[in-house]
C-alpha atoms as a PDB file:
ATOM      1  CA  MET A   1      70.188  -6.842 -19.878  1.00  0.00           C
ATOM      2  CA  TYR A   2      73.840  -5.974 -20.299  1.00  0.00           C
ATOM      3  CA  HIS A   3      75.248  -3.180 -22.447  1.00  0.00           C
ATOM      4  CA  GLU A   4      78.717  -1.706 -22.352  1.00  0.00           C
ATOM      5  CA  ILE A   5      79.254   1.591 -24.110  1.00  0.00           C
ATOM      6  CA  GLU A   6      82.991   1.733 -24.561  1.00  0.00           C
ATOM      7  CA  GLY A   7      84.906   4.776 -23.481  1.00  0.00           C
ATOM      8  CA  GLN A   8      87.319   6.704 -25.626  1.00  0.00           C
ATOM      9  CA  LEU A   9      90.427   8.630 -24.544  1.00  0.00           C
ATOM     10  CA  SER A  10      89.491  10.313 -21.243  1.00  0.00           C
ATOM     11  CA  ILE A  11      85.816   9.274 -21.444  1.00  0.00           C
ATOM     12  CA  GLU A  12      85.011   6.271 -19.257  1.00  0.00           C
ATOM     13  CA  ALA A  13      82.804   3.355 -20.286  1.00  0.00           C
ATOM     14  CA  ILE A  14      79.123   3.305 -19.335  1.00  0.00           C
ATOM     15  CA  ILE A  15      77.801  -0.101 -18.275  1.00  0.00           C
ATOM     16  CA  PHE A  16      74.142  -1.109 -18.061  1.00  0.00           C
ATOM     17  CA  ASP A  17      74.224  -4.212 -15.882  1.00  0.00           C
ATOM     18  CA  ASP A  18      71.313  -6.375 -14.710  1.00  0.00           C
ATOM     19  CA  ASP A  19      70.179  -4.022 -11.942  1.00  0.00           C
ATOM     20  CA  GLU A  20      72.465  -0.987 -12.018  1.00  0.00           C
ATOM     21  CA  LEU A  21      74.150   1.577 -14.205  1.00  0.00           C
ATOM     22  CA  ILE A  22      77.894   1.943 -13.724  1.00  0.00           C
ATOM     23  CA  ALA A  23      79.364   5.254 -14.852  1.00  0.00           C
ATOM     24  CA  ARG A  24      82.018   7.705 -13.694  1.00  0.00           C
ATOM     25  CA  GLY A  25      83.244   5.134 -11.174  1.00  0.00           C
ATOM     26  CA  GLN A  26      79.851   5.039  -9.427  1.00  0.00           C
ATOM     27  CA  HIS A  27      77.064   2.483  -9.221  1.00  0.00           C
ATOM     28  CA  PHE A  28      73.490   3.727  -9.714  1.00  0.00           C
ATOM     29  CA  PRO A  29      70.767   1.143  -8.939  1.00  0.00           C
ATOM     30  CA  TYR A  30      67.989   1.229 -11.531  1.00  0.00           C
ATOM     31  CA  SER A  31      65.428   1.620  -8.758  1.00  0.00           C
ATOM     32  CA  GLU A  32      66.968   5.007  -7.881  1.00  0.00           C
ATOM     33  CA  ILE A  33      67.193   6.351 -11.440  1.00  0.00           C
ATOM     34  CA  GLU A  34      64.409   8.825 -12.185  1.00  0.00           C
ATOM     35  CA  SER A  35      65.380   9.398 -15.825  1.00  0.00           C
ATOM     36  CA  LEU A  36      68.132   8.954 -18.383  1.00  0.00           C
ATOM     37  CA  THR A  37      68.283  11.293 -21.379  1.00  0.00           C
ATOM     38  CA  ILE A  38      70.794  12.244 -24.000  1.00  0.00           C
ATOM     39  CA  THR A  39      70.911  15.997 -23.481  1.00  0.00           C
ATOM     40  CA  SER A  40      73.773  16.898 -25.756  1.00  0.00           C
ATOM     41  CA  ALA A  41      75.301  15.212 -28.761  1.00  0.00           C
ATOM     42  CA  GLN A  42      76.432  18.007 -31.055  1.00  0.00           C
ATOM     43  CA  PRO A  43      77.310  16.878 -34.597  1.00  0.00           C
ATOM     44  CA  PHE A  44      80.926  18.064 -34.565  1.00  0.00           C
ATOM     45  CA  SER A  45      81.721  17.428 -30.920  1.00  0.00           C
ATOM     46  CA  PRO A  46      83.668  14.240 -30.072  1.00  0.00           C
ATOM     47  CA  TYR A  47      81.444  13.564 -27.052  1.00  0.00           C
ATOM     48  CA  GLY A  48      77.845  13.816 -25.909  1.00  0.00           C
ATOM     49  CA  ILE A  49      76.211  14.058 -22.504  1.00  0.00           C
ATOM     50  CA  LEU A  50      73.907  11.493 -20.964  1.00  0.00           C
ATOM     51  CA  THR A  51      72.009  13.100 -18.099  1.00  0.00           C
ATOM     52  CA  LEU A  52      71.121  10.772 -15.255  1.00  0.00           C
ATOM     53  CA  ARG A  53      68.519  12.090 -12.815  1.00  0.00           C
ATOM     54  CA  THR A  54      68.580  10.511  -9.360  1.00  0.00           C
ATOM     55  CA  HIS A  55      67.445  11.759  -5.965  1.00  0.00           C
ATOM     56  CA  GLY A  56      66.279  15.009  -7.593  1.00  0.00           C
ATOM     57  CA  ARG A  57      69.653  15.957  -9.066  1.00  0.00           C
ATOM     58  CA  ASP A  58      71.119  15.712 -12.544  1.00  0.00           C
ATOM     59  CA  ILE A  59      74.434  13.975 -13.101  1.00  0.00           C
ATOM     60  CA  PRO A  60      76.109  14.588 -16.477  1.00  0.00           C
ATOM     61  CA  ILE A  61      77.849  11.535 -17.904  1.00  0.00           C
ATOM     62  CA  PRO A  62      80.019  12.124 -20.970  1.00  0.00           C
ATOM     63  CA  PHE A  63      80.061   9.499 -23.719  1.00  0.00           C
ATOM     64  CA  ALA A  64      81.939   9.122 -26.969  1.00  0.00           C
ATOM     65  CA  ARG A  65      79.648  10.483 -29.695  1.00  0.00           C
ATOM     66  CA  SER A  66      80.737   7.637 -31.962  1.00  0.00           C
ATOM     67  CA  ARG A  67      78.975   5.295 -29.490  1.00  0.00           C
ATOM     68  CA  LYS A  68      75.642   7.149 -29.560  1.00  0.00           C
ATOM     69  CA  GLY A  69      73.846   4.321 -31.421  1.00  0.00           C
ATOM     70  CA  LYS A  70      74.867   1.743 -28.812  1.00  0.00           C
ATOM     71  CA  LEU A  71      73.802   4.107 -26.035  1.00  0.00           C
ATOM     72  CA  GLU A  72      70.382   4.669 -27.630  1.00  0.00           C
ATOM     73  CA  LEU A  73      69.889   0.883 -27.845  1.00  0.00           C
ATOM     74  CA  ALA A  74      70.822   0.524 -24.169  1.00  0.00           C
ATOM     75  CA  LEU A  75      68.384   3.305 -23.240  1.00  0.00           C
ATOM     76  CA  ARG A  76      65.556   1.562 -25.138  1.00  0.00           C
ATOM     77  CA  ASP A  77      66.262  -1.684 -23.284  1.00  0.00           C
ATOM     78  CA  PHE A  78      66.412   0.224 -19.995  1.00  0.00           C
ATOM     79  CA  GLU A  79      62.982   1.764 -20.659  1.00  0.00           C
ATOM     80  CA  LYS A  80      61.509  -1.633 -21.569  1.00  0.00           C
ATOM     81  CA  LEU A  81      62.850  -3.032 -18.307  1.00  0.00           C
ATOM     82  CA  ARG A  82      61.368  -0.132 -16.340  1.00  0.00           C
ATOM     83  CA  LYS A  83      57.965  -0.561 -17.994  1.00  0.00           C
ATOM     84  CA  ALA A  84      57.973  -4.293 -17.309  1.00  0.00           C
ATOM     85  CA  GLU A  85      58.772  -3.671 -13.639  1.00  0.00           C
ATOM     86  CA  ALA A  86      56.067  -0.998 -13.380  1.00  0.00           C
ATOM     87  CA  GLU A  87      53.275  -3.228 -14.714  1.00  0.00           C
ATOM     88  CA  PRO A  88      51.009  -4.536 -11.967  1.00  0.00           C
ATOM     89  CA  VAL A  89      51.174  -8.227 -11.181  1.00  0.00           C
ATOM     90  CA  SER A  90      47.555  -8.644 -12.306  1.00  0.00           C
ATOM     91  CA  ALA A  91      48.636  -7.731 -15.844  1.00  0.00           C
ATOM     92  CA  ALA A  92      50.633 -10.955 -16.068  1.00  0.00           C
ATOM     93  CA  PRO A  93      49.220 -13.423 -18.586  1.00  0.00           C
ATOM     94  CA  ARG A  94      46.756 -15.876 -17.092  1.00  0.00           C
ATOM     95  CA  SER A  95      46.951 -19.571 -17.623  1.00  0.00           C
ATOM     96  CA  GLN A  96      44.673 -20.601 -20.450  1.00  0.00           C
ATOM     97  CA  THR A  97      43.443 -23.585 -18.474  1.00  0.00           C
ATOM     98  CA  ALA A  98      42.246 -21.518 -15.511  1.00  0.00           C
ATOM     99  CA  ALA A  99      38.997 -19.660 -16.022  1.00  0.00           C
ATOM    100  CA  PRO A 100      38.900 -16.149 -14.555  1.00  0.00           C
ATOM    101  CA  ALA A 101      36.846 -16.145 -11.351  1.00  0.00           C
ATOM    102  CA  ALA A 102      35.076 -12.842 -11.963  1.00  0.00           C
ATOM    103  CA  MET A 103      34.202 -13.551 -15.629  1.00  0.00           C
ATOM    104  CA  ASP A 104      30.494 -13.440 -16.364  1.00  0.00           C
ATOM    105  CA  PRO A 105      29.533 -16.827 -17.863  1.00  0.00           C
ATOM    106  CA  TYR A 106      27.215 -15.137 -20.382  1.00  0.00           C
ATOM    107  CA  GLU A 107      30.042 -12.889 -21.630  1.00  0.00           C
ATOM    108  CA  GLU A 108      32.248 -15.950 -21.886  1.00  0.00           C
ATOM    109  CA  LEU A 109      29.498 -17.717 -23.836  1.00  0.00           C
ATOM    110  CA  LYS A 110      29.232 -14.773 -26.269  1.00  0.00           C
ATOM    111  CA  LYS A 111      32.964 -14.939 -26.925  1.00  0.00           C
ATOM    112  CA  LEU A 112      32.773 -18.684 -27.395  1.00  0.00           C
ATOM    113  CA  LYS A 113      29.900 -18.241 -29.892  1.00  0.00           C
ATOM    114  CA  GLU A 114      32.061 -15.834 -31.887  1.00  0.00           C
ATOM    115  CA  LEU A 115      34.782 -18.479 -31.985  1.00  0.00           C
ATOM    116  CA  LEU A 116      32.214 -21.031 -33.195  1.00  0.00           C
ATOM    117  CA  ASP A 117      30.998 -18.643 -35.912  1.00  0.00           C
ATOM    118  CA  LEU A 118      34.592 -18.171 -37.070  1.00  0.00           C
ATOM    119  CA  ASP A 119      35.100 -21.970 -37.168  1.00  0.00           C
ATOM    120  CA  ILE A 120      37.820 -21.738 -34.531  1.00  0.00           C
ATOM    121  CA  VAL A 121      36.034 -24.191 -32.230  1.00  0.00           C
ATOM    122  CA  THR A 122      33.795 -27.097 -33.240  1.00  0.00           C
ATOM    123  CA  LYS A 123      30.102 -27.394 -32.429  1.00  0.00           C
ATOM    124  CA  GLU A 124      30.952 -30.182 -29.957  1.00  0.00           C
ATOM    125  CA  GLU A 125      33.557 -28.030 -28.186  1.00  0.00           C
ATOM    126  CA  PHE A 126      31.067 -25.166 -28.038  1.00  0.00           C
ATOM    127  CA  GLU A 127      28.325 -27.357 -26.534  1.00  0.00           C
ATOM    128  CA  ALA A 128      30.681 -28.892 -23.960  1.00  0.00           C
ATOM    129  CA  LYS A 129      31.948 -25.493 -22.822  1.00  0.00           C
ATOM    130  CA  LYS A 130      28.408 -24.089 -22.807  1.00  0.00           C
ATOM    131  CA  LYS A 131      27.266 -26.866 -20.444  1.00  0.00           C
ATOM    132  CA  GLN A 132      30.274 -26.188 -18.210  1.00  0.00           C
ATOM    133  CA  LEU A 133      29.635 -22.427 -18.117  1.00  0.00           C
ATOM    134  CA  LEU A 134      25.916 -22.777 -17.431  1.00  0.00           C
ATOM    135  CA  ASP A 135      26.354 -25.650 -14.960  1.00  0.00           C
ATOM    136  CA  LEU A 136      24.045 -27.909 -16.988  1.00  0.00           C
END
């Protein structure tokens, strides 16, 4: 992920890099950012405020209000990245060729029967998998 929200006049650029936010001449690692919110973007003001919360304190970061759309896009991508990092490893997709170890063979057979009834698998595929699941 890389987003650069351009500065304007005395307002510095805000950069969302791969693993850190760069703003106000400082580097903030994503792992240390507790939250990022747009706290002020008044309609007639030339700037808004992005509030970065880290280590229990709020840091106001001004941005050019004309760049609010780009900033909102960067914040959405940041949140997606945070959610992806927060998901447990077990939530990763399993290989379709490897059968889950803890799966009950009868539950697996029920699901397979539903696939047969929907004509997603053939009768031959169903019978072969059934024999495999029941160790016949």
